[in-house]
Amino acid sequence: MTRRIGLIGCGDVSVVHVEAIRDIEGLELVGVADTDPQARARAAAATGVPGFADTQELIDAAGPDAVHVATPHDQHIGPSLTALEAGVHVLQEKPLAHTLEEGRRLVDALESAGARPGAPKVGICFQNRYNLASRRLHEMLGAGELGAVRGAWASVVWTRSADYYRARPWRGTWAGSGGGLLINQAIHTLDLVQWLLGGVERTDGHVATRKYGEVIEVEDTAELLLHHPGGITTSFFATLTAPQHRPVELELDCERAYVTLRGGTDGGLTIRWADGRVETLAERSVTSGGRSYWGVSHELLIRDFYARLDEPEPFWIGPGEAMASLGILKEAYRLSGVGPAA
């Protein structure tokens, strides 16, 4: 059976979705939609499918089985709700939404749709959960192979330029993006940390705009302390002010080993056991046409989403699951006295 796919939003990350749809057997791109006529025309020409002005127009004309939503943050929920109401499956880019209130709307809408066979499903693209290293570490923690976790450290040290924000002004605004560094870049690492360590019970910390205050109103730097079940804490640092990208790193101090999870296409897992052994697992090196720091697992998530569509259960990374990382970063904003209240 061939599933008909629509793409909503034709910006930077859409190329990853187009490539995956092209490469996965049984998927066919049948239309693209974007409110920007130029972006829409470019995407339609590049893919050879019709372009539409909005989600409803695409659904009415092309009849997709599913849509991929890759719009700016403040435009995530509208297309997703429109698709759900039409009985169309949704695979949406992170974050879940640019506000908690909008996120809850999608959670509620999916619950109303029910979990019956054939009901529309919603997946959120936290693709780094599909990295080899991430999955292996999750398995080891779940099986107790590493012993008790005593504490963790995570860092996202990247760079952005003023031109990055000028090219897409919504990225630097609370109204358009819902935040800065945490909601746009570091959210993947926040998601991994809370997934690996059983959630976050409390967030302490502060965000600030250290370098790009002349062009953005959102944060470019954050320092957090995440409190997990069992008294475990993660020291979390992230910034976009570095001279160049460093690989994302997550380190766990465990009873039986010290573990380093390193992101990117040259990353992987290093386990330094207490008895002196060192075990390594290299990450996949195959990438899409996207940027290397997006990781290597978008296609794996997309494949898994479609493989699970006929199952009665909701997709495992759905809106409810995605509320976790959104809640963490919104609490950091609240503590810092920045951004909207919800």
C-alpha atoms as a PDB file:
ATOM      1  CA  MET A   1       0.000   0.000   0.000  1.00  0.00           C
ATOM      2  CA  THR A   2       1.272   3.443  -0.908  1.00  0.00           C
ATOM      3  CA  ARG A   3       0.645   6.205   1.615  1.00  0.00           C
ATOM      4  CA  ARG A   4       0.067   9.688   0.241  1.00  0.00           C
ATOM      5  CA  ILE A   5       2.036  12.376   2.080  1.00  0.00           C
ATOM      6  CA  GLY A   6       1.655  16.146   2.207  1.00  0.00           C
ATOM      7  CA  LEU A   7       4.370  18.525   3.413  1.00  0.00           C
ATOM      8  CA  ILE A   8       3.322  21.640   5.326  1.00  0.00           C
ATOM      9  CA  GLY A   9       6.115  24.201   5.535  1.00  0.00           C
ATOM     10  CA  CYS A  10       8.900  24.436   2.970  1.00  0.00           C
ATOM     11  CA  GLY A  11      11.731  25.916   5.038  1.00  0.00           C
ATOM     12  CA  ASP A  12      15.174  24.609   5.932  1.00  0.00           C
ATOM     13  CA  VAL A  13      14.317  21.312   7.631  1.00  0.00           C
ATOM     14  CA  SER A  14      11.751  20.344   4.993  1.00  0.00           C
ATOM     15  CA  VAL A  15      14.547  18.951   2.795  1.00  0.00           C
ATOM     16  CA  VAL A  16      15.110  16.156   5.330  1.00  0.00           C
ATOM     17  CA  HIS A  17      11.452  15.175   5.158  1.00  0.00           C
ATOM     18  CA  VAL A  18      11.370  15.313   1.363  1.00  0.00           C
ATOM     19  CA  GLU A  19      14.409  13.031   1.145  1.00  0.00           C
ATOM     20  CA  ALA A  20      12.959  10.545   3.631  1.00  0.00           C
ATOM     21  CA  ILE A  21       9.602  10.418   1.856  1.00  0.00           C
ATOM     22  CA  ARG A  22      11.444   9.833  -1.409  1.00  0.00           C
ATOM     23  CA  ASP A  23      13.676   7.099   0.007  1.00  0.00           C
ATOM     24  CA  ILE A  24      11.123   5.118   2.044  1.00  0.00           C
ATOM     25  CA  GLU A  25       9.273   2.529   0.009  1.00  0.00           C
ATOM     26  CA  GLY A  26       5.518   2.925   0.155  1.00  0.00           C
ATOM     27  CA  LEU A  27       5.478   6.706   0.627  1.00  0.00           C
ATOM     28  CA  GLU A  28       4.563   9.229  -2.056  1.00  0.00           C
ATOM     29  CA  LEU A  29       4.729  13.005  -1.739  1.00  0.00           C
ATOM     30  CA  VAL A  30       1.525  14.404  -3.256  1.00  0.00           C
ATOM     31  CA  GLY A  31       1.668  18.092  -2.356  1.00  0.00           C
ATOM     32  CA  VAL A  32       3.485  20.858  -0.501  1.00  0.00           C
ATOM     33  CA  ALA A  33       2.006  23.866   1.273  1.00  0.00           C
ATOM     34  CA  ASP A  34       3.480  27.129   2.508  1.00  0.00           C
ATOM     35  CA  THR A  35       2.013  30.551   3.184  1.00  0.00           C
ATOM     36  CA  ASP A  36       5.054  32.102   1.464  1.00  0.00           C
ATOM     37  CA  PRO A  37       4.371  31.972  -2.305  1.00  0.00           C
ATOM     38  CA  GLN A  38       8.073  31.933  -3.191  1.00  0.00           C
ATOM     39  CA  ALA A  39       8.932  29.111  -0.789  1.00  0.00           C
ATOM     40  CA  ARG A  40       5.899  27.194  -2.007  1.00  0.00           C
ATOM     41  CA  ALA A  41       6.873  27.632  -5.662  1.00  0.00           C
ATOM     42  CA  ARG A  42      10.478  26.565  -5.041  1.00  0.00           C
ATOM     43  CA  ALA A  43       9.408  23.433  -3.190  1.00  0.00           C
ATOM     44  CA  ALA A  44       6.811  22.510  -5.806  1.00  0.00           C
ATOM     45  CA  ALA A  45       9.372  22.906  -8.581  1.00  0.00           C
ATOM     46  CA  ALA A  46      11.995  20.891  -6.699  1.00  0.00           C
ATOM     47  CA  THR A  47       9.648  18.017  -5.862  1.00  0.00           C
ATOM     48  CA  GLY A  48       7.429  17.982  -8.929  1.00  0.00           C
ATOM     49  CA  VAL A  49       4.199  18.076  -6.924  1.00  0.00           C
ATOM     50  CA  PRO A  50       1.495  20.753  -6.647  1.00  0.00           C
ATOM     51  CA  GLY A  51       1.890  23.639  -4.221  1.00  0.00           C
ATOM     52  CA  PHE A  52      -0.903  24.902  -1.975  1.00  0.00           C
ATOM     53  CA  ALA A  53      -1.437  27.974   0.162  1.00  0.00           C
ATOM     54  CA  ASP A  54      -2.502  26.156   3.322  1.00  0.00           C
ATOM     55  CA  THR A  55      -3.148  22.799   4.943  1.00  0.00           C
ATOM     56  CA  GLN A  56      -6.861  22.619   4.225  1.00  0.00           C
ATOM     57  CA  GLU A  57      -6.324  23.367   0.542  1.00  0.00           C
ATOM     58  CA  LEU A  58      -3.730  20.592   0.311  1.00  0.00           C
ATOM     59  CA  ILE A  59      -5.971  18.096   2.111  1.00  0.00           C
ATOM     60  CA  ASP A  60      -8.985  18.938  -0.048  1.00  0.00           C
ATOM     61  CA  ALA A  61      -7.099  18.743  -3.343  1.00  0.00           C
ATOM     62  CA  ALA A  62      -4.446  16.062  -2.778  1.00  0.00           C
ATOM     63  CA  GLY A  63      -6.139  13.747  -0.266  1.00  0.00           C
ATOM     64  CA  PRO A  64      -3.073  12.816   1.812  1.00  0.00           C
ATOM     65  CA  ASP A  65      -3.051   9.994   4.327  1.00  0.00           C
ATOM     66  CA  ALA A  66      -0.553  11.942   6.444  1.00  0.00           C
ATOM     67  CA  VAL A  67       1.080  15.356   6.566  1.00  0.00           C
ATOM     68  CA  HIS A  68       4.508  16.398   7.798  1.00  0.00           C
ATOM     69  CA  VAL A  69       4.408  19.768   9.572  1.00  0.00           C
ATOM     70  CA  ALA A  70       7.689  21.698   9.281  1.00  0.00           C
ATOM     71  CA  THR A  71       6.471  25.255   9.762  1.00  0.00           C
ATOM     72  CA  PRO A  72       7.760  27.982  12.115  1.00  0.00           C
ATOM     73  CA  HIS A  73       6.967  27.206  15.748  1.00  0.00           C
ATOM     74  CA  ASP A  74       3.922  29.449  16.067  1.00  0.00           C
ATOM     75  CA  GLN A  75       2.385  27.745  13.026  1.00  0.00           C
ATOM     76  CA  HIS A  76       2.748  24.143  14.248  1.00  0.00           C
ATOM     77  CA  ILE A  77      -0.580  23.646  15.950  1.00  0.00           C
ATOM     78  CA  GLY A  78      -2.894  25.079  13.298  1.00  0.00           C
ATOM     79  CA  PRO A  79      -1.924  22.640  10.511  1.00  0.00           C
ATOM     80  CA  SER A  80      -1.751  19.720  12.935  1.00  0.00           C
ATOM     81  CA  LEU A  81      -5.253  20.393  14.278  1.00  0.00           C
ATOM     82  CA  THR A  82      -6.616  20.852  10.755  1.00  0.00           C
ATOM     83  CA  ALA A  83      -5.169  17.505   9.715  1.00  0.00           C
ATOM     84  CA  LEU A  84      -6.447  15.712  12.825  1.00  0.00           C
ATOM     85  CA  GLU A  85      -9.944  17.049  12.257  1.00  0.00           C
ATOM     86  CA  ALA A  86      -9.799  15.636   8.726  1.00  0.00           C
ATOM     87  CA  GLY A  87      -8.677  12.220   9.999  1.00  0.00           C
ATOM     88  CA  VAL A  88      -5.164  12.674   8.591  1.00  0.00           C
ATOM     89  CA  HIS A  89      -2.057  11.435  10.430  1.00  0.00           C
ATOM     90  CA  VAL A  90       0.478  14.073  11.523  1.00  0.00           C
ATOM     91  CA  LEU A  91       4.249  13.955  11.846  1.00  0.00           C
ATOM     92  CA  GLN A  92       5.317  17.305  13.271  1.00  0.00           C
ATOM     93  CA  GLU A  93       8.699  18.889  13.806  1.00  0.00           C
ATOM     94  CA  LYS A  94       9.739  19.906  17.309  1.00  0.00           C
ATOM     95  CA  PRO A  95       8.817  21.733  19.430  1.00  0.00           C
ATOM     96  CA  LEU A  96       5.319  20.535  20.184  1.00  0.00           C
ATOM     97  CA  ALA A  97       4.202  24.177  20.202  1.00  0.00           C
ATOM     98  CA  HIS A  98       5.512  27.652  20.957  1.00  0.00           C
ATOM     99  CA  THR A  99       3.381  27.914  24.114  1.00  0.00           C
ATOM    100  CA  LEU A 100       2.157  25.436  26.724  1.00  0.00           C
ATOM    101  CA  GLU A 101      -1.438  26.412  26.005  1.00  0.00           C
ATOM    102  CA  GLU A 102      -1.061  25.546  22.317  1.00  0.00           C
ATOM    103  CA  GLY A 103       0.651  22.293  23.219  1.00  0.00           C
ATOM    104  CA  ARG A 104      -2.243  21.288  25.449  1.00  0.00           C
ATOM    105  CA  ARG A 105      -4.662  21.953  22.589  1.00  0.00           C
ATOM    106  CA  LEU A 106      -2.948  19.310  20.476  1.00  0.00           C
ATOM    107  CA  VAL A 107      -2.739  16.866  23.389  1.00  0.00           C
ATOM    108  CA  ASP A 108      -6.476  17.291  24.006  1.00  0.00           C
ATOM    109  CA  ALA A 109      -7.346  16.995  20.310  1.00  0.00           C
ATOM    110  CA  LEU A 110      -5.445  13.733  19.990  1.00  0.00           C
ATOM    111  CA  GLU A 111      -7.123  12.329  23.103  1.00  0.00           C
ATOM    112  CA  SER A 112     -10.500  13.257  21.633  1.00  0.00           C
ATOM    113  CA  ALA A 113      -9.626  11.420  18.418  1.00  0.00           C
ATOM    114  CA  GLY A 114      -9.144   8.261  20.479  1.00  0.00           C
ATOM    115  CA  ALA A 115      -6.789   5.304  20.141  1.00  0.00           C
ATOM    116  CA  ARG A 116      -9.068   3.125  18.045  1.00  0.00           C
ATOM    117  CA  PRO A 117      -7.640   1.352  14.956  1.00  0.00           C
ATOM    118  CA  GLY A 118      -7.619   3.774  12.062  1.00  0.00           C
ATOM    119  CA  ALA A 119      -7.711   6.870  14.266  1.00  0.00           C
ATOM    120  CA  PRO A 120      -5.182   9.526  13.233  1.00  0.00           C
ATOM    121  CA  LYS A 121      -1.821   9.440  14.981  1.00  0.00           C
ATOM    122  CA  VAL A 122       0.545  12.283  15.824  1.00  0.00           C
ATOM    123  CA  GLY A 123       4.315  11.964  16.091  1.00  0.00           C
ATOM    124  CA  ILE A 124       6.789  14.644  17.148  1.00  0.00           C
ATOM    125  CA  CYS A 125      10.287  14.656  15.643  1.00  0.00           C
ATOM    126  CA  PHE A 126      12.672  13.996  18.499  1.00  0.00           C
ATOM    127  CA  GLN A 127      14.828  11.946  16.163  1.00  0.00           C
ATOM    128  CA  ASN A 128      17.876  11.761  18.441  1.00  0.00           C
ATOM    129  CA  ARG A 129      16.071   9.096  20.464  1.00  0.00           C
ATOM    130  CA  TYR A 130      16.715   6.871  17.440  1.00  0.00           C
ATOM    131  CA  ASN A 131      20.482   7.373  17.463  1.00  0.00           C
ATOM    132  CA  LEU A 132      22.352   4.120  18.066  1.00  0.00           C
ATOM    133  CA  ALA A 133      24.144   5.568  21.084  1.00  0.00           C
ATOM    134  CA  SER A 134      20.984   7.015  22.637  1.00  0.00           C
ATOM    135  CA  ARG A 135      19.049   3.784  22.289  1.00  0.00           C
ATOM    136  CA  ARG A 136      21.879   1.661  23.655  1.00  0.00           C
ATOM    137  CA  LEU A 137      22.287   3.950  26.661  1.00  0.00           C
ATOM    138  CA  HIS A 138      18.545   3.889  27.313  1.00  0.00           C
ATOM    139  CA  GLU A 139      18.581   0.076  27.204  1.00  0.00           C
ATOM    140  CA  MET A 140      21.537  -0.147  29.578  1.00  0.00           C
ATOM    141  CA  LEU A 141      19.983   2.242  32.067  1.00  0.00           C
ATOM    142  CA  GLY A 142      16.683   0.383  31.958  1.00  0.00           C
ATOM    143  CA  ALA A 143      18.398  -2.959  32.530  1.00  0.00           C
ATOM    144  CA  GLY A 144      20.481  -1.628  35.411  1.00  0.00           C
ATOM    145  CA  GLU A 145      23.755  -2.546  33.674  1.00  0.00           C
ATOM    146  CA  LEU A 146      25.443   0.706  34.713  1.00  0.00           C
ATOM    147  CA  GLY A 147      24.277   0.670  38.306  1.00  0.00           C
ATOM    148  CA  ALA A 148      22.739   3.673  39.992  1.00  0.00           C
ATOM    149  CA  VAL A 149      23.144   7.050  38.291  1.00  0.00           C
ATOM    150  CA  ARG A 150      24.834   9.504  40.647  1.00  0.00           C
ATOM    151  CA  GLY A 151      24.576  12.600  38.472  1.00  0.00           C
ATOM    152  CA  ALA A 152      24.786  13.963  34.952  1.00  0.00           C
ATOM    153  CA  TRP A 153      26.179  16.832  32.899  1.00  0.00           C
ATOM    154  CA  ALA A 154      24.956  18.010  29.491  1.00  0.00           C
ATOM    155  CA  SER A 155      26.203  20.711  27.145  1.00  0.00           C
ATOM    156  CA  VAL A 156      25.074  22.235  23.869  1.00  0.00           C
ATOM    157  CA  VAL A 157      27.803  24.620  22.721  1.00  0.00           C
ATOM    158  CA  TRP A 158      26.971  25.877  19.256  1.00  0.00           C
ATOM    159  CA  THR A 159      27.226  29.029  17.224  1.00  0.00           C
ATOM    160  CA  ARG A 160      24.754  31.218  15.399  1.00  0.00           C
ATOM    161  CA  SER A 161      25.197  34.564  13.697  1.00  0.00           C
ATOM    162  CA  ALA A 162      23.100  37.693  13.596  1.00  0.00           C
ATOM    163  CA  ASP A 163      22.430  36.871   9.945  1.00  0.00           C
ATOM    164  CA  TYR A 164      20.872  33.555  11.001  1.00  0.00           C
ATOM    165  CA  TYR A 165      18.170  35.507  12.823  1.00  0.00           C
ATOM    166  CA  ARG A 166      17.839  38.184  10.166  1.00  0.00           C
ATOM    167  CA  ALA A 167      17.208  35.504   7.530  1.00  0.00           C
ATOM    168  CA  ARG A 168      14.242  34.116   9.527  1.00  0.00           C
ATOM    169  CA  PRO A 169      13.135  36.909  11.897  1.00  0.00           C
ATOM    170  CA  TRP A 170      10.579  34.670  13.659  1.00  0.00           C
ATOM    171  CA  ARG A 171      13.474  32.729  15.211  1.00  0.00           C
ATOM    172  CA  GLY A 172      14.391  35.650  17.437  1.00  0.00           C
ATOM    173  CA  THR A 173      10.938  36.525  18.774  1.00  0.00           C
ATOM    174  CA  TRP A 174       8.772  35.208  21.582  1.00  0.00           C
ATOM    175  CA  ALA A 175       5.680  35.468  19.400  1.00  0.00           C
ATOM    176  CA  GLY A 176       7.157  33.501  16.515  1.00  0.00           C
ATOM    177  CA  SER A 177       9.478  31.000  18.158  1.00  0.00           C
ATOM    178  CA  GLY A 178       8.272  30.821  21.758  1.00  0.00           C
ATOM    179  CA  GLY A 179      11.872  31.132  22.909  1.00  0.00           C
ATOM    180  CA  GLY A 180      15.405  30.963  21.608  1.00  0.00           C
ATOM    181  CA  LEU A 181      18.224  28.533  22.228  1.00  0.00           C
ATOM    182  CA  LEU A 182      16.264  26.171  24.489  1.00  0.00           C
ATOM    183  CA  ILE A 183      13.182  25.750  22.318  1.00  0.00           C
ATOM    184  CA  ASN A 184      14.967  25.771  18.967  1.00  0.00           C
ATOM    185  CA  GLN A 185      18.327  24.051  19.441  1.00  0.00           C
ATOM    186  CA  ALA A 186      18.826  22.588  22.929  1.00  0.00           C
ATOM    187  CA  ILE A 187      15.348  21.047  23.122  1.00  0.00           C
ATOM    188  CA  HIS A 188      16.652  17.798  21.612  1.00  0.00           C
ATOM    189  CA  THR A 189      19.176  17.434  24.434  1.00  0.00           C
ATOM    190  CA  LEU A 190      16.582  18.354  27.049  1.00  0.00           C
ATOM    191  CA  ASP A 191      14.382  15.632  25.603  1.00  0.00           C
ATOM    192  CA  LEU A 192      17.168  13.052  25.715  1.00  0.00           C
ATOM    193  CA  VAL A 193      18.092  13.904  29.305  1.00  0.00           C
ATOM    194  CA  GLN A 194      14.539  13.618  30.610  1.00  0.00           C
ATOM    195  CA  TRP A 195      13.904  10.455  28.560  1.00  0.00           C
ATOM    196  CA  LEU A 196      17.060   8.734  29.784  1.00  0.00           C
ATOM    197  CA  LEU A 197      16.703   9.725  33.435  1.00  0.00           C
ATOM    198  CA  GLY A 198      12.992   9.180  34.008  1.00  0.00           C
ATOM    199  CA  GLY A 199      11.676  12.710  33.599  1.00  0.00           C
ATOM    200  CA  VAL A 200      12.301  16.004  35.368  1.00  0.00           C
ATOM    201  CA  GLU A 201      10.560  16.781  38.649  1.00  0.00           C
ATOM    202  CA  ARG A 202      11.910  20.296  39.098  1.00  0.00           C
ATOM    203  CA  THR A 203      13.875  22.819  37.062  1.00  0.00           C
ATOM    204  CA  ASP A 204      16.181  25.492  38.453  1.00  0.00           C
ATOM    205  CA  GLY A 205      18.275  27.913  36.442  1.00  0.00           C
ATOM    206  CA  HIS A 206      18.449  30.988  34.298  1.00  0.00           C
ATOM    207  CA  VAL A 207      18.482  32.032  30.655  1.00  0.00           C
ATOM    208  CA  ALA A 208      20.004  35.175  29.170  1.00  0.00           C
ATOM    209  CA  THR A 209      20.792  36.966  25.940  1.00  0.00           C
ATOM    210  CA  ARG A 210      24.567  37.386  26.029  1.00  0.00           C
ATOM    211  CA  LYS A 211      25.559  38.156  22.446  1.00  0.00           C
ATOM    212  CA  TYR A 212      22.672  38.817  20.074  1.00  0.00           C
ATOM    213  CA  GLY A 213      20.556  41.289  22.018  1.00  0.00           C
ATOM    214  CA  GLU A 214      20.624  43.779  19.160  1.00  0.00           C
ATOM    215  CA  VAL A 215      18.803  41.378  16.819  1.00  0.00           C
ATOM    216  CA  ILE A 216      16.780  39.022  19.065  1.00  0.00           C
ATOM    217  CA  GLU A 217      14.539  39.256  22.106  1.00  0.00           C
ATOM    218  CA  VAL A 218      14.934  35.588  23.096  1.00  0.00           C
ATOM    219  CA  GLU A 219      17.795  33.820  24.897  1.00  0.00           C
ATOM    220  CA  ASP A 220      21.089  32.659  23.424  1.00  0.00           C
ATOM    221  CA  THR A 221      22.504  31.131  26.646  1.00  0.00           C
ATOM    222  CA  ALA A 222      21.081  28.948  29.427  1.00  0.00           C
ATOM    223  CA  GLU A 223      22.304  27.335  32.649  1.00  0.00           C
ATOM    224  CA  LEU A 224      19.961  24.851  34.333  1.00  0.00           C
ATOM    225  CA  LEU A 225      19.891  22.275  37.094  1.00  0.00           C
ATOM    226  CA  LEU A 226      17.400  19.518  36.321  1.00  0.00           C
ATOM    227  CA  HIS A 227      16.092  17.430  39.219  1.00  0.00           C
ATOM    228  CA  HIS A 228      15.173  13.843  38.299  1.00  0.00           C
ATOM    229  CA  PRO A 229      13.446  11.099  40.304  1.00  0.00           C
ATOM    230  CA  GLY A 230      15.633   9.512  42.954  1.00  0.00           C
ATOM    231  CA  GLY A 231      17.560  12.666  43.753  1.00  0.00           C
ATOM    232  CA  ILE A 232      19.598  12.637  40.514  1.00  0.00           C
ATOM    233  CA  THR A 233      20.505  16.034  39.056  1.00  0.00           C
ATOM    234  CA  THR A 234      21.770  17.122  35.644  1.00  0.00           C
ATOM    235  CA  SER A 235      23.880  20.243  35.243  1.00  0.00           C
ATOM    236  CA  PHE A 236      22.835  21.611  31.856  1.00  0.00           C
ATOM    237  CA  PHE A 237      24.640  24.349  29.930  1.00  0.00           C
ATOM    238  CA  ALA A 238      23.799  25.620  26.473  1.00  0.00           C
ATOM    239  CA  THR A 239      24.889  28.577  24.375  1.00  0.00           C
ATOM    240  CA  LEU A 240      24.896  29.838  20.802  1.00  0.00           C
ATOM    241  CA  THR A 241      27.782  32.247  21.431  1.00  0.00           C
ATOM    242  CA  ALA A 242      30.693  29.863  20.742  1.00  0.00           C
ATOM    243  CA  PRO A 243      33.055  30.558  17.810  1.00  0.00           C
ATOM    244  CA  GLN A 244      32.108  27.224  16.220  1.00  0.00           C
ATOM    245  CA  HIS A 245      29.975  24.162  16.872  1.00  0.00           C
ATOM    246  CA  ARG A 246      31.067  21.588  19.415  1.00  0.00           C
ATOM    247  CA  PRO A 247      29.394  18.179  19.541  1.00  0.00           C
ATOM    248  CA  VAL A 248      26.547  17.917  22.013  1.00  0.00           C
ATOM    249  CA  GLU A 249      27.690  15.951  25.053  1.00  0.00           C
ATOM    250  CA  LEU A 250      25.889  14.155  27.849  1.00  0.00           C
ATOM    251  CA  GLU A 251      27.907  12.563  30.650  1.00  0.00           C
ATOM    252  CA  LEU A 252      26.542  10.203  33.290  1.00  0.00           C
ATOM    253  CA  ASP A 253      28.383   9.318  36.482  1.00  0.00           C
ATOM    254  CA  CYS A 254      27.092   5.845  37.308  1.00  0.00           C
ATOM    255  CA  GLU A 255      27.892   3.345  40.020  1.00  0.00           C
ATOM    256  CA  ARG A 256      29.663   0.959  37.625  1.00  0.00           C
ATOM    257  CA  ALA A 257      30.854   3.275  34.844  1.00  0.00           C
ATOM    258  CA  TYR A 258      31.335   6.805  33.592  1.00  0.00           C
ATOM    259  CA  VAL A 259      29.425   7.263  30.352  1.00  0.00           C
ATOM    260  CA  THR A 260      29.838   9.889  27.635  1.00  0.00           C
ATOM    261  CA  LEU A 261      27.208  10.306  24.933  1.00  0.00           C
ATOM    262  CA  ARG A 262      28.496  12.486  22.112  1.00  0.00           C
ATOM    263  CA  GLY A 263      26.198  13.804  19.396  1.00  0.00           C
ATOM    264  CA  GLY A 264      26.695  14.443  15.693  1.00  0.00           C
ATOM    265  CA  THR A 265      27.686  12.206  12.814  1.00  0.00           C
ATOM    266  CA  ASP A 266      31.106  11.504  14.379  1.00  0.00           C
ATOM    267  CA  GLY A 267      29.665  10.906  17.830  1.00  0.00           C
ATOM    268  CA  GLY A 268      28.769   7.829  19.782  1.00  0.00           C
ATOM    269  CA  LEU A 269      28.867   6.238  23.206  1.00  0.00           C
ATOM    270  CA  THR A 270      31.945   5.743  25.396  1.00  0.00           C
ATOM    271  CA  ILE A 271      31.656   3.660  28.564  1.00  0.00           C
ATOM    272  CA  ARG A 272      34.567   3.729  30.990  1.00  0.00           C
ATOM    273  CA  TRP A 273      33.860   0.873  33.362  1.00  0.00           C
ATOM    274  CA  ALA A 274      35.015   0.999  36.958  1.00  0.00           C
ATOM    275  CA  ASP A 275      37.200  -2.082  36.359  1.00  0.00           C
ATOM    276  CA  GLY A 276      39.207  -0.239  33.683  1.00  0.00           C
ATOM    277  CA  ARG A 277      37.495  -1.541  30.550  1.00  0.00           C
ATOM    278  CA  VAL A 278      36.505   0.956  27.861  1.00  0.00           C
ATOM    279  CA  GLU A 279      33.589   0.189  25.551  1.00  0.00           C
ATOM    280  CA  THR A 280      32.673   2.337  22.545  1.00  0.00           C
ATOM    281  CA  LEU A 281      29.794   2.461  20.101  1.00  0.00           C
ATOM    282  CA  ALA A 282      30.164   4.693  17.046  1.00  0.00           C
ATOM    283  CA  GLU A 283      27.151   6.550  15.702  1.00  0.00           C
ATOM    284  CA  ARG A 284      25.930   6.044  12.156  1.00  0.00           C
ATOM    285  CA  SER A 285      27.859   8.204   9.711  1.00  0.00           C
ATOM    286  CA  VAL A 286      25.231   8.382   6.971  1.00  0.00           C
ATOM    287  CA  THR A 287      23.533  11.767   6.839  1.00  0.00           C
ATOM    288  CA  SER A 288      20.793  13.351   4.799  1.00  0.00           C
ATOM    289  CA  GLY A 289      21.001  16.615   2.948  1.00  0.00           C
ATOM    290  CA  GLY A 290      20.387  18.359   6.264  1.00  0.00           C
ATOM    291  CA  ARG A 291      22.989  19.788   8.582  1.00  0.00           C
ATOM    292  CA  SER A 292      25.252  17.407  10.481  1.00  0.00           C
ATOM    293  CA  TYR A 293      24.203  18.739  13.883  1.00  0.00           C
ATOM    294  CA  TRP A 294      20.602  17.740  13.149  1.00  0.00           C
ATOM    295  CA  GLY A 295      21.799  14.182  13.714  1.00  0.00           C
ATOM    296  CA  VAL A 296      21.425  11.093  11.574  1.00  0.00           C
ATOM    297  CA  SER A 297      18.097   9.628  12.599  1.00  0.00           C
ATOM    298  CA  HIS A 298      15.291  11.650  11.029  1.00  0.00           C
ATOM    299  CA  GLU A 299      14.667   8.917   8.487  1.00  0.00           C
ATOM    300  CA  LEU A 300      14.654   6.230  11.183  1.00  0.00           C
ATOM    301  CA  LEU A 301      11.955   8.071  13.112  1.00  0.00           C
ATOM    302  CA  ILE A 302       9.914   8.631   9.959  1.00  0.00           C
ATOM    303  CA  ARG A 303      10.180   4.959   8.987  1.00  0.00           C
ATOM    304  CA  ASP A 304       9.096   3.894  12.456  1.00  0.00           C
ATOM    305  CA  PHE A 305       6.166   6.308  12.467  1.00  0.00           C
ATOM    306  CA  TYR A 306       4.742   4.771   9.302  1.00  0.00           C
ATOM    307  CA  ALA A 307       5.524   1.222  10.427  1.00  0.00           C
ATOM    308  CA  ARG A 308       3.353   1.802  13.511  1.00  0.00           C
ATOM    309  CA  LEU A 309       0.371   3.482  11.855  1.00  0.00           C
ATOM    310  CA  ASP A 310      -1.718   0.323  11.826  1.00  0.00           C
ATOM    311  CA  GLU A 311      -1.123  -0.377  15.520  1.00  0.00           C
ATOM    312  CA  PRO A 312      -3.898   0.620  17.958  1.00  0.00           C
ATOM    313  CA  GLU A 313      -1.507   2.387  20.347  1.00  0.00           C
ATOM    314  CA  PRO A 314      -0.506   6.046  19.919  1.00  0.00           C
ATOM    315  CA  PHE A 315       2.937   6.730  18.480  1.00  0.00           C
ATOM    316  CA  TRP A 316       5.440   6.573  21.328  1.00  0.00           C
ATOM    317  CA  ILE A 317       6.779  10.115  20.809  1.00  0.00           C
ATOM    318  CA  GLY A 318       3.466  11.938  20.678  1.00  0.00           C
ATOM    319  CA  PRO A 319       2.181  15.271  21.988  1.00  0.00           C
ATOM    320  CA  GLY A 320       1.911  14.082  25.587  1.00  0.00           C
ATOM    321  CA  GLU A 321       5.522  12.913  25.564  1.00  0.00           C
ATOM    322  CA  ALA A 322       6.666  16.137  23.881  1.00  0.00           C
ATOM    323  CA  MET A 323       5.047  18.248  26.600  1.00  0.00           C
ATOM    324  CA  ALA A 324       7.892  17.177  28.914  1.00  0.00           C
ATOM    325  CA  SER A 325      10.674  19.110  27.194  1.00  0.00           C
ATOM    326  CA  LEU A 326       8.361  22.039  26.486  1.00  0.00           C
ATOM    327  CA  GLY A 327       7.466  22.217  30.165  1.00  0.00           C
ATOM    328  CA  ILE A 328      11.130  22.181  31.232  1.00  0.00           C
ATOM    329  CA  LEU A 329      12.150  25.072  29.036  1.00  0.00           C
ATOM    330  CA  LYS A 330       9.043  27.119  29.762  1.00  0.00           C
ATOM    331  CA  GLU A 331       9.777  26.760  33.472  1.00  0.00           C
ATOM    332  CA  ALA A 332      13.299  28.066  32.820  1.00  0.00           C
ATOM    333  CA  TYR A 333      11.775  31.087  31.084  1.00  0.00           C
ATOM    334  CA  ARG A 334       9.384  31.649  33.976  1.00  0.00           C
ATOM    335  CA  LEU A 335      12.197  31.511  36.505  1.00  0.00           C
ATOM    336  CA  SER A 336      14.156  34.015  34.420  1.00  0.00           C
ATOM    337  CA  GLY A 337      11.214  36.385  34.079  1.00  0.00           C
ATOM    338  CA  VAL A 338      11.224  36.299  30.290  1.00  0.00           C
ATOM    339  CA  GLY A 339       8.713  35.379  27.609  1.00  0.00           C
ATOM    340  CA  PRO A 340       4.946  34.931  27.806  1.00  0.00           C
ATOM    341  CA  ALA A 341       3.418  33.371  30.898  1.00  0.00           C
ATOM    342  CA  ALA A 342       2.279  30.144  29.213  1.00  0.00           C
END
